[in-house]
mmCIF file of all heavy atoms, coordinates in Angstrom:
data_MODEL
# 
_entry.id   MODEL 
# 
loop_
_atom_site.group_PDB 
_atom_site.id 
_atom_site.type_symbol 
_atom_site.label_atom_id 
_atom_site.label_alt_id 
_atom_site.label_comp_id 
_atom_site.label_asym_id 
_atom_site.label_entity_id 
_atom_site.label_seq_id 
_atom_site.pdbx_PDB_ins_code 
_atom_site.Cartn_x 
_atom_site.Cartn_y 
_atom_site.Cartn_z 
_atom_site.occupancy 
_atom_site.B_iso_or_equiv 
_atom_site.pdbx_formal_charge 
_atom_site.auth_seq_id 
_atom_site.auth_comp_id 
_atom_site.auth_asym_id 
_atom_site.auth_atom_id 
_atom_site.pdbx_PDB_model_num 
ATOM 1   N N   . ASP A 1 1  ? 0.854  -1.189 0.000  1.00 0.00 ? 1  ASP A N   1 
ATOM 2   C CA  . ASP A 1 1  ? 0.000  0.000  0.000  1.00 0.00 ? 1  ASP A CA  1 
ATOM 3   C C   . ASP A 1 1  ? 0.892  1.242  0.000  1.00 0.00 ? 1  ASP A C   1 
ATOM 4   O O   . ASP A 1 1  ? 2.110  1.143  0.134  1.00 0.00 ? 1  ASP A O   1 
ATOM 5   C CB  . ASP A 1 1  ? -0.916 -0.011 1.221  1.00 0.00 ? 1  ASP A CB  1 
ATOM 6   C CG  . ASP A 1 1  ? -2.117 0.892  1.037  1.00 0.00 ? 1  ASP A CG  1 
ATOM 7   O OD1 . ASP A 1 1  ? -2.688 0.887  -0.071 1.00 0.00 ? 1  ASP A OD1 1 
ATOM 8   O OD2 . ASP A 1 1  ? -2.482 1.599  1.990  1.00 0.00 ? 1  ASP A OD2 1 
ATOM 9   N N   . ASN A 1 2  ? 0.280  2.410  -0.139 1.00 0.00 ? 2  ASN A N   1 
ATOM 10  C CA  . ASN A 1 2  ? 1.058  3.638  -0.246 1.00 0.00 ? 2  ASN A CA  1 
ATOM 11  C C   . ASN A 1 2  ? 0.317  4.799  0.403  1.00 0.00 ? 2  ASN A C   1 
ATOM 12  O O   . ASN A 1 2  ? -0.711 5.251  -0.105 1.00 0.00 ? 2  ASN A O   1 
ATOM 13  C CB  . ASN A 1 2  ? 1.342  3.953  -1.720 1.00 0.00 ? 2  ASN A CB  1 
ATOM 14  C CG  . ASN A 1 2  ? 2.107  5.242  -1.907 1.00 0.00 ? 2  ASN A CG  1 
ATOM 15  O OD1 . ASN A 1 2  ? 2.757  5.721  -0.979 1.00 0.00 ? 2  ASN A OD1 1 
ATOM 16  N ND2 . ASN A 1 2  ? 2.043  5.805  -3.103 1.00 0.00 ? 2  ASN A ND2 1 
ATOM 17  N N   . SER A 1 3  ? 0.846  5.275  1.528  1.00 0.00 ? 3  SER A N   1 
ATOM 18  C CA  . SER A 1 3  ? 0.279  6.435  2.204  1.00 0.00 ? 3  SER A CA  1 
ATOM 19  C C   . SER A 1 3  ? 1.178  7.657  2.087  1.00 0.00 ? 3  SER A C   1 
ATOM 20  O O   . SER A 1 3  ? 0.948  8.666  2.757  1.00 0.00 ? 3  SER A O   1 
ATOM 21  C CB  . SER A 1 3  ? 0.056  6.118  3.694  1.00 0.00 ? 3  SER A CB  1 
ATOM 22  O OG  . SER A 1 3  ? -0.857 5.067  3.871  1.00 0.00 ? 3  SER A OG  1 
ATOM 23  N N   . ASP A 1 4  ? 2.209  7.575  1.251  1.00 0.00 ? 4  ASP A N   1 
ATOM 24  C CA  . ASP A 1 4  ? 3.159  8.674  1.114  1.00 0.00 ? 4  ASP A CA  1 
ATOM 25  C C   . ASP A 1 4  ? 2.446  9.945  0.655  1.00 0.00 ? 4  ASP A C   1 
ATOM 26  O O   . ASP A 1 4  ? 1.542  9.904  -0.188 1.00 0.00 ? 4  ASP A O   1 
ATOM 27  C CB  . ASP A 1 4  ? 4.245  8.341  0.101  1.00 0.00 ? 4  ASP A CB  1 
ATOM 28  C CG  . ASP A 1 4  ? 5.018  7.077  0.459  1.00 0.00 ? 4  ASP A CG  1 
ATOM 29  O OD1 . ASP A 1 4  ? 4.816  6.558  1.575  1.00 0.00 ? 4  ASP A OD1 1 
ATOM 30  O OD2 . ASP A 1 4  ? 5.815  6.622  -0.376 1.00 0.00 ? 4  ASP A OD2 1 
ATOM 31  N N   . PHE A 1 5  ? 2.899  11.091 1.183  1.00 0.00 ? 5  PHE A N   1 
ATOM 32  C CA  . PHE A 1 5  ? 2.371  12.368 0.721  1.00 0.00 ? 5  PHE A CA  1 
ATOM 33  C C   . PHE A 1 5  ? 3.395  13.456 1.013  1.00 0.00 ? 5  PHE A C   1 
ATOM 34  O O   . PHE A 1 5  ? 4.401  13.218 1.689  1.00 0.00 ? 5  PHE A O   1 
ATOM 35  C CB  . PHE A 1 5  ? 1.024  12.693 1.378  1.00 0.00 ? 5  PHE A CB  1 
ATOM 36  C CG  . PHE A 1 5  ? 1.098  13.113 2.823  1.00 0.00 ? 5  PHE A CG  1 
ATOM 37  C CD1 . PHE A 1 5  ? 0.909  14.443 3.195  1.00 0.00 ? 5  PHE A CD1 1 
ATOM 38  C CD2 . PHE A 1 5  ? 1.335  12.181 3.835  1.00 0.00 ? 5  PHE A CD2 1 
ATOM 39  C CE1 . PHE A 1 5  ? 0.969  14.844 4.521  1.00 0.00 ? 5  PHE A CE1 1 
ATOM 40  C CE2 . PHE A 1 5  ? 1.390  12.569 5.169  1.00 0.00 ? 5  PHE A CE2 1 
ATOM 41  C CZ  . PHE A 1 5  ? 1.200  13.896 5.521  1.00 0.00 ? 5  PHE A CZ  1 
ATOM 42  N N   . TRP A 1 6  ? 3.159  14.665 0.475  1.00 0.00 ? 6  TRP A N   1 
ATOM 43  C CA  . TRP A 1 6  ? 4.093  15.771 0.695  1.00 0.00 ? 6  TRP A CA  1 
ATOM 44  C C   . TRP A 1 6  ? 3.335  17.029 1.089  1.00 0.00 ? 6  TRP A C   1 
ATOM 45  O O   . TRP A 1 6  ? 2.139  17.160 0.830  1.00 0.00 ? 6  TRP A O   1 
ATOM 46  C CB  . TRP A 1 6  ? 4.947  16.033 -0.547 1.00 0.00 ? 6  TRP A CB  1 
ATOM 47  C CG  . TRP A 1 6  ? 4.180  16.508 -1.754 1.00 0.00 ? 6  TRP A CG  1 
ATOM 48  C CD1 . TRP A 1 6  ? 3.584  15.731 -2.702 1.00 0.00 ? 6  TRP A CD1 1 
ATOM 49  C CD2 . TRP A 1 6  ? 3.905  17.865 -2.111 1.00 0.00 ? 6  TRP A CD2 1 
ATOM 50  N NE1 . TRP A 1 6  ? 2.964  16.527 -3.643 1.00 0.00 ? 6  TRP A NE1 1 
ATOM 51  C CE2 . TRP A 1 6  ? 3.149  17.831 -3.314 1.00 0.00 ? 6  TRP A CE2 1 
ATOM 52  C CE3 . TRP A 1 6  ? 4.251  19.101 -1.564 1.00 0.00 ? 6  TRP A CE3 1 
ATOM 53  C CZ2 . TRP A 1 6  ? 2.710  18.994 -3.950 1.00 0.00 ? 6  TRP A CZ2 1 
ATOM 54  C CZ3 . TRP A 1 6  ? 3.813  20.267 -2.199 1.00 0.00 ? 6  TRP A CZ3 1 
ATOM 55  C CH2 . TRP A 1 6  ? 3.062  20.197 -3.378 1.00 0.00 ? 6  TRP A CH2 1 
ATOM 56  N N   . GLU A 1 7  ? 4.055  17.932 1.746  1.00 0.00 ? 7  GLU A N   1 
ATOM 57  C CA  . GLU A 1 7  ? 3.504  19.223 2.133  1.00 0.00 ? 7  GLU A CA  1 
ATOM 58  C C   . GLU A 1 7  ? 4.498  20.333 1.789  1.00 0.00 ? 7  GLU A C   1 
ATOM 59  O O   . GLU A 1 7  ? 5.709  20.154 1.937  1.00 0.00 ? 7  GLU A O   1 
ATOM 60  C CB  . GLU A 1 7  ? 3.238  19.285 3.646  1.00 0.00 ? 7  GLU A CB  1 
ATOM 61  C CG  . GLU A 1 7  ? 2.050  18.478 4.117  1.00 0.00 ? 7  GLU A CG  1 
ATOM 62  C CD  . GLU A 1 7  ? 1.806  18.675 5.603  1.00 0.00 ? 7  GLU A CD  1 
ATOM 63  O OE1 . GLU A 1 7  ? 2.774  18.598 6.387  1.00 0.00 ? 7  GLU A OE1 1 
ATOM 64  O OE2 . GLU A 1 7  ? 0.638  18.896 5.978  1.00 0.00 ? 7  GLU A OE2 1 
ATOM 65  N N   . ALA A 1 8  ? 3.983  21.465 1.357  1.00 0.00 ? 8  ALA A N   1 
ATOM 66  C CA  . ALA A 1 8  ? 4.768  22.689 1.242  1.00 0.00 ? 8  ALA A CA  1 
ATOM 67  C C   . ALA A 1 8  ? 4.462  23.525 2.481  1.00 0.00 ? 8  ALA A C   1 
ATOM 68  O O   . ALA A 1 8  ? 3.330  23.501 2.988  1.00 0.00 ? 8  ALA A O   1 
ATOM 69  C CB  . ALA A 1 8  ? 4.380  23.454 -0.020 1.00 0.00 ? 8  ALA A CB  1 
ATOM 70  N N   . TYR A 1 9  ? 5.466  24.239 2.982  1.00 0.00 ? 9  TYR A N   1 
ATOM 71  C CA  . TYR A 1 9  ? 5.233  24.979 4.216  1.00 0.00 ? 9  TYR A CA  1 
ATOM 72  C C   . TYR A 1 9  ? 5.895  26.351 4.215  1.00 0.00 ? 9  TYR A C   1 
ATOM 73  O O   . TYR A 1 9  ? 6.859  26.615 3.497  1.00 0.00 ? 9  TYR A O   1 
ATOM 74  C CB  . TYR A 1 9  ? 5.718  24.184 5.431  1.00 0.00 ? 9  TYR A CB  1 
ATOM 75  C CG  . TYR A 1 9  ? 7.186  23.798 5.416  1.00 0.00 ? 9  TYR A CG  1 
ATOM 76  C CD1 . TYR A 1 9  ? 8.191  24.699 5.770  1.00 0.00 ? 9  TYR A CD1 1 
ATOM 77  C CD2 . TYR A 1 9  ? 7.573  22.503 5.074  1.00 0.00 ? 9  TYR A CD2 1 
ATOM 78  C CE1 . TYR A 1 9  ? 9.528  24.331 5.765  1.00 0.00 ? 9  TYR A CE1 1 
ATOM 79  C CE2 . TYR A 1 9  ? 8.909  22.123 5.064  1.00 0.00 ? 9  TYR A CE2 1 
ATOM 80  C CZ  . TYR A 1 9  ? 9.879  23.041 5.419  1.00 0.00 ? 9  TYR A CZ  1 
ATOM 81  O OH  . TYR A 1 9  ? 11.207 22.679 5.410  1.00 0.00 ? 9  TYR A OH  1 
ATOM 82  N N   . ALA A 1 10 ? 5.337  27.220 5.057  1.00 0.00 ? 10 ALA A N   1 
ATOM 83  C CA  . ALA A 1 10 ? 5.895  28.543 5.332  1.00 0.00 ? 10 ALA A CA  1 
ATOM 84  C C   . ALA A 1 10 ? 5.789  28.761 6.836  1.00 0.00 ? 10 ALA A C   1 
ATOM 85  O O   . ALA A 1 10 ? 4.718  28.591 7.422  1.00 0.00 ? 10 ALA A O   1 
ATOM 86  C CB  . ALA A 1 10 ? 5.129  29.627 4.579  1.00 0.00 ? 10 ALA A CB  1 
ATOM 87  N N   . LYS A 1 11 ? 6.917  29.106 7.448  1.00 0.00 ? 11 LYS A N   1 
ATOM 88  C CA  . LYS A 1 11 ? 6.961  29.347 8.888  1.00 0.00 ? 11 LYS A CA  1 
ATOM 89  C C   . LYS A 1 11 ? 7.563  30.725 9.124  1.00 0.00 ? 11 LYS A C   1 
ATOM 90  O O   . LYS A 1 11 ? 8.588  31.062 8.543  1.00 0.00 ? 11 LYS A O   1 
ATOM 91  C CB  . LYS A 1 11 ? 7.812  28.295 9.598  1.00 0.00 ? 11 LYS A CB  1 
ATOM 92  C CG  . LYS A 1 11 ? 7.440  26.855 9.298  1.00 0.00 ? 11 LYS A CG  1 
ATOM 93  C CD  . LYS A 1 11 ? 8.430  25.897 9.944  1.00 0.00 ? 11 LYS A CD  1 
ATOM 94  C CE  . LYS A 1 11 ? 8.167  24.460 9.567  1.00 0.00 ? 11 LYS A CE  1 
ATOM 95  N NZ  . LYS A 1 11 ? 9.160  23.529 10.188 1.00 0.00 ? 11 LYS A NZ  1 
ATOM 96  N N   . ALA A 1 12 ? 6.940  31.506 9.977  1.00 0.00 ? 12 ALA A N   1 
ATOM 97  C CA  . ALA A 1 12 ? 7.436  32.840 10.271 1.00 0.00 ? 12 ALA A CA  1 
ATOM 98  C C   . ALA A 1 12 ? 7.329  33.099 11.771 1.00 0.00 ? 12 ALA A C   1 
ATOM 99  O O   . ALA A 1 12 ? 6.465  32.527 12.451 1.00 0.00 ? 12 ALA A O   1 
ATOM 100 C CB  . ALA A 1 12 ? 6.649  33.899 9.506  1.00 0.00 ? 12 ALA A CB  1 
ATOM 101 N N   . SER A 1 13 ? 8.223  33.933 12.285 1.00 0.00 ? 13 SER A N   1 
ATOM 102 C CA  . SER A 1 13 ? 8.157  34.290 13.698 1.00 0.00 ? 13 SER A CA  1 
ATOM 103 C C   . SER A 1 13 ? 8.695  35.692 13.910 1.00 0.00 ? 13 SER A C   1 
ATOM 104 O O   . SER A 1 13 ? 9.448  36.225 13.080 1.00 0.00 ? 13 SER A O   1 
ATOM 105 C CB  . SER A 1 13 ? 8.936  33.290 14.557 1.00 0.00 ? 13 SER A CB  1 
ATOM 106 O OG  . SER A 1 13 ? 10.321 33.334 14.250 1.00 0.00 ? 13 SER A OG  1 
ATOM 107 N N   . TYR A 1 14 ? 8.302  36.291 15.039 1.00 0.00 ? 14 TYR A N   1 
ATOM 108 C CA  . TYR A 1 14 ? 8.763  37.628 15.399 1.00 0.00 ? 14 TYR A CA  1 
ATOM 109 C C   . TYR A 1 14 ? 9.134  37.635 16.873 1.00 0.00 ? 14 TYR A C   1 
ATOM 110 O O   . TYR A 1 14 ? 8.316  37.276 17.736 1.00 0.00 ? 14 TYR A O   1 
ATOM 111 C CB  . TYR A 1 14 ? 7.677  38.664 15.120 1.00 0.00 ? 14 TYR A CB  1 
ATOM 112 C CG  . TYR A 1 14 ? 8.088  40.076 15.499 1.00 0.00 ? 14 TYR A CG  1 
ATOM 113 C CD1 . TYR A 1 14 ? 8.941  40.801 14.670 1.00 0.00 ? 14 TYR A CD1 1 
ATOM 114 C CD2 . TYR A 1 14 ? 7.659  40.648 16.685 1.00 0.00 ? 14 TYR A CD2 1 
ATOM 115 C CE1 . TYR A 1 14 ? 9.339  42.095 15.017 1.00 0.00 ? 14 TYR A CE1 1 
ATOM 116 C CE2 . TYR A 1 14 ? 8.048  41.941 17.036 1.00 0.00 ? 14 TYR A CE2 1 
ATOM 117 C CZ  . TYR A 1 14 ? 8.895  42.649 16.196 1.00 0.00 ? 14 TYR A CZ  1 
ATOM 118 O OH  . TYR A 1 14 ? 9.299  43.911 16.541 1.00 0.00 ? 14 TYR A OH  1 
ATOM 119 N N   . ALA A 1 15 ? 10.380 38.014 17.159 1.00 0.00 ? 15 ALA A N   1 
ATOM 120 C CA  . ALA A 1 15 ? 10.852 38.076 18.546 1.00 0.00 ? 15 ALA A CA  1 
ATOM 121 C C   . ALA A 1 15 ? 10.526 39.454 19.113 1.00 0.00 ? 15 ALA A C   1 
ATOM 122 O O   . ALA A 1 15 ? 11.201 40.448 18.798 1.00 0.00 ? 15 ALA A O   1 
ATOM 123 C CB  . ALA A 1 15 ? 12.348 37.807 18.601 1.00 0.00 ? 15 ALA A CB  1 
ATOM 124 N N   . VAL A 1 16 ? 9.493  39.515 19.936 1.00 0.00 ? 16 VAL A N   1 
ATOM 125 C CA  . VAL A 1 16 ? 9.104  40.785 20.563 1.00 0.00 ? 16 VAL A CA  1 
ATOM 126 C C   . VAL A 1 16 ? 10.219 41.258 21.481 1.00 0.00 ? 16 VAL A C   1 
ATOM 127 O O   . VAL A 1 16 ? 10.566 42.444 21.529 1.00 0.00 ? 16 VAL A O   1 
ATOM 128 C CB  . VAL A 1 16 ? 7.790  40.603 21.342 1.00 0.00 ? 16 VAL A CB  1 
ATOM 129 C CG1 . VAL A 1 16 ? 7.377  41.915 21.991 1.00 0.00 ? 16 VAL A CG1 1 
ATOM 130 C CG2 . VAL A 1 16 ? 6.692  40.092 20.428 1.00 0.00 ? 16 VAL A CG2 1 
ATOM 131 N N   . THR A 1 17 ? 10.787 40.324 22.226 1.00 0.00 ? 17 THR A N   1 
ATOM 132 C CA  . THR A 1 17 ? 11.959 40.545 23.067 1.00 0.00 ? 17 THR A CA  1 
ATOM 133 C C   . THR A 1 17 ? 12.859 39.322 22.882 1.00 0.00 ? 17 THR A C   1 
ATOM 134 O O   . THR A 1 17 ? 12.433 38.322 22.284 1.00 0.00 ? 17 THR A O   1 
ATOM 135 C CB  . THR A 1 17 ? 11.578 40.684 24.551 1.00 0.00 ? 17 THR A CB  1 
ATOM 136 O OG1 . THR A 1 17 ? 11.155 39.405 25.053 1.00 0.00 ? 17 THR A OG1 1 
ATOM 137 C CG2 . THR A 1 17 ? 10.453 41.702 24.748 1.00 0.00 ? 17 THR A CG2 1 
ATOM 138 N N   . PRO A 1 18 ? 14.090 39.354 23.384 1.00 0.00 ? 18 PRO A N   1 
ATOM 139 C CA  . PRO A 1 18 ? 14.935 38.158 23.269 1.00 0.00 ? 18 PRO A CA  1 
ATOM 140 C C   . PRO A 1 18 ? 14.315 36.928 23.923 1.00 0.00 ? 18 PRO A C   1 
ATOM 141 O O   . PRO A 1 18 ? 14.670 35.798 23.587 1.00 0.00 ? 18 PRO A O   1 
ATOM 142 C CB  . PRO A 1 18 ? 16.227 38.569 23.989 1.00 0.00 ? 18 PRO A CB  1 
ATOM 143 C CG  . PRO A 1 18 ? 16.284 40.059 23.800 1.00 0.00 ? 18 PRO A CG  1 
ATOM 144 C CD  . PRO A 1 18 ? 14.853 40.507 23.899 1.00 0.00 ? 18 PRO A CD  1 
ATOM 145 N N   . ALA A 1 19 ? 13.355 37.135 24.824 1.00 0.00 ? 19 ALA A N   1 
ATOM 146 C CA  . ALA A 1 19 ? 12.756 36.009 25.541 1.00 0.00 ? 19 ALA A CA  1 
ATOM 147 C C   . ALA A 1 19 ? 11.376 35.615 25.025 1.00 0.00 ? 19 ALA A C   1 
ATOM 148 O O   . ALA A 1 19 ? 10.930 34.485 25.250 1.00 0.00 ? 19 ALA A O   1 
ATOM 149 C CB  . ALA A 1 19 ? 12.658 36.329 27.037 1.00 0.00 ? 19 ALA A CB  1 
ATOM 150 N N   . LEU A 1 20 ? 10.681 36.509 24.332 1.00 0.00 ? 20 LEU A N   1 
ATOM 151 C CA  . LEU A 1 20 ? 9.301  36.256 23.914 1.00 0.00 ? 20 LEU A CA  1 
ATOM 152 C C   . LEU A 1 20 ? 9.177  36.293 22.398 1.00 0.00 ? 20 LEU A C   1 
ATOM 153 O O   . LEU A 1 20 ? 9.518  37.295 21.762 1.00 0.00 ? 20 LEU A O   1 
ATOM 154 C CB  . LEU A 1 20 ? 8.362  37.296 24.524 1.00 0.00 ? 20 LEU A CB  1 
ATOM 155 C CG  . LEU A 1 20 ? 6.882  37.168 24.179 1.00 0.00 ? 20 LEU A CG  1 
ATOM 156 C CD1 . LEU A 1 20 ? 6.319  35.845 24.696 1.00 0.00 ? 20 LEU A CD1 1 
ATOM 157 C CD2 . LEU A 1 20 ? 6.095  38.348 24.759 1.00 0.00 ? 20 LEU A CD2 1 
ATOM 158 N N   . THR A 1 21 ? 8.678  35.188 21.834 1.00 0.00 ? 21 THR A N   1 
ATOM 159 C CA  . THR A 1 21 ? 8.542  35.068 20.372 1.00 0.00 ? 21 THR A CA  1 
ATOM 160 C C   . THR A 1 21 ? 7.154  34.564 20.006 1.00 0.00 ? 21 THR A C   1 
ATOM 161 O O   . THR A 1 21 ? 6.632  33.632 20.626 1.00 0.00 ? 21 THR A O   1 
ATOM 162 C CB  . THR A 1 21 ? 9.594  34.090 19.813 1.00 0.00 ? 21 THR A CB  1 
ATOM 163 O OG1 . THR A 1 21 ? 10.899 34.566 20.131 1.00 0.00 ? 21 THR A OG1 1 
ATOM 164 C CG2 . THR A 1 21 ? 9.462  33.965 18.301 1.00 0.00 ? 21 THR A CG2 1 
ATOM 165 N N   . PHE A 1 22 ? 6.555  35.185 18.986 1.00 0.00 ? 22 PHE A N   1 
ATOM 166 C CA  . PHE A 1 22 ? 5.288  34.736 18.429 1.00 0.00 ? 22 PHE A CA  1 
ATOM 167 C C   . PHE A 1 22 ? 5.529  34.283 16.990 1.00 0.00 ? 22 PHE A C   1 
ATOM 168 O O   . PHE A 1 22 ? 6.390  34.840 16.296 1.00 0.00 ? 22 PHE A O   1 
ATOM 169 C CB  . PHE A 1 22 ? 4.240  35.846 18.451 1.00 0.00 ? 22 PHE A CB  1 
ATOM 170 C CG  . PHE A 1 22 ? 3.811  36.249 19.831 1.00 0.00 ? 22 PHE A CG  1 
ATOM 171 C CD1 . PHE A 1 22 ? 4.290  37.428 20.407 1.00 0.00 ? 22 PHE A CD1 1 
ATOM 172 C CD2 . PHE A 1 22 ? 2.951  35.451 20.555 1.00 0.00 ? 22 PHE A CD2 1 
ATOM 173 C CE1 . PHE A 1 22 ? 3.899  37.792 21.682 1.00 0.00 ? 22 PHE A CE1 1 
ATOM 174 C CE2 . PHE A 1 22 ? 2.550  35.809 21.837 1.00 0.00 ? 22 PHE A CE2 1 
ATOM 175 C CZ  . PHE A 1 22 ? 3.036  36.978 22.409 1.00 0.00 ? 22 PHE A CZ  1 
ATOM 176 N N   . GLY A 1 23 ? 4.770  33.272 16.547 1.00 0.00 ? 23 GLY A N   1 
ATOM 177 C CA  . GLY A 1 23 ? 4.972  32.765 15.202 1.00 0.00 ? 23 GLY A CA  1 
ATOM 178 C C   . GLY A 1 23 ? 3.705  32.272 14.546 1.00 0.00 ? 23 GLY A C   1 
ATOM 179 O O   . GLY A 1 23 ? 2.634  32.216 15.170 1.00 0.00 ? 23 GLY A O   1 
ATOM 180 N N   . GLY A 1 24 ? 3.853  31.898 13.281 1.00 0.00 ? 24 GLY A N   1 
ATOM 181 C CA  . GLY A 1 24 ? 2.735  31.343 12.538 1.00 0.00 ? 24 GLY A CA  1 
ATOM 182 C C   . GLY A 1 24 ? 3.238  30.359 11.497 1.00 0.00 ? 24 GLY A C   1 
ATOM 183 O O   . GLY A 1 24 ? 4.352  30.515 10.966 1.00 0.00 ? 24 GLY A O   1 
# 
């Protein structure tokens, strides 16, 4: 059988401070 698949992705983040980061 064959369950193989692929994904394209984009990841981004912003460091508000050196300790706090938000991303998507």
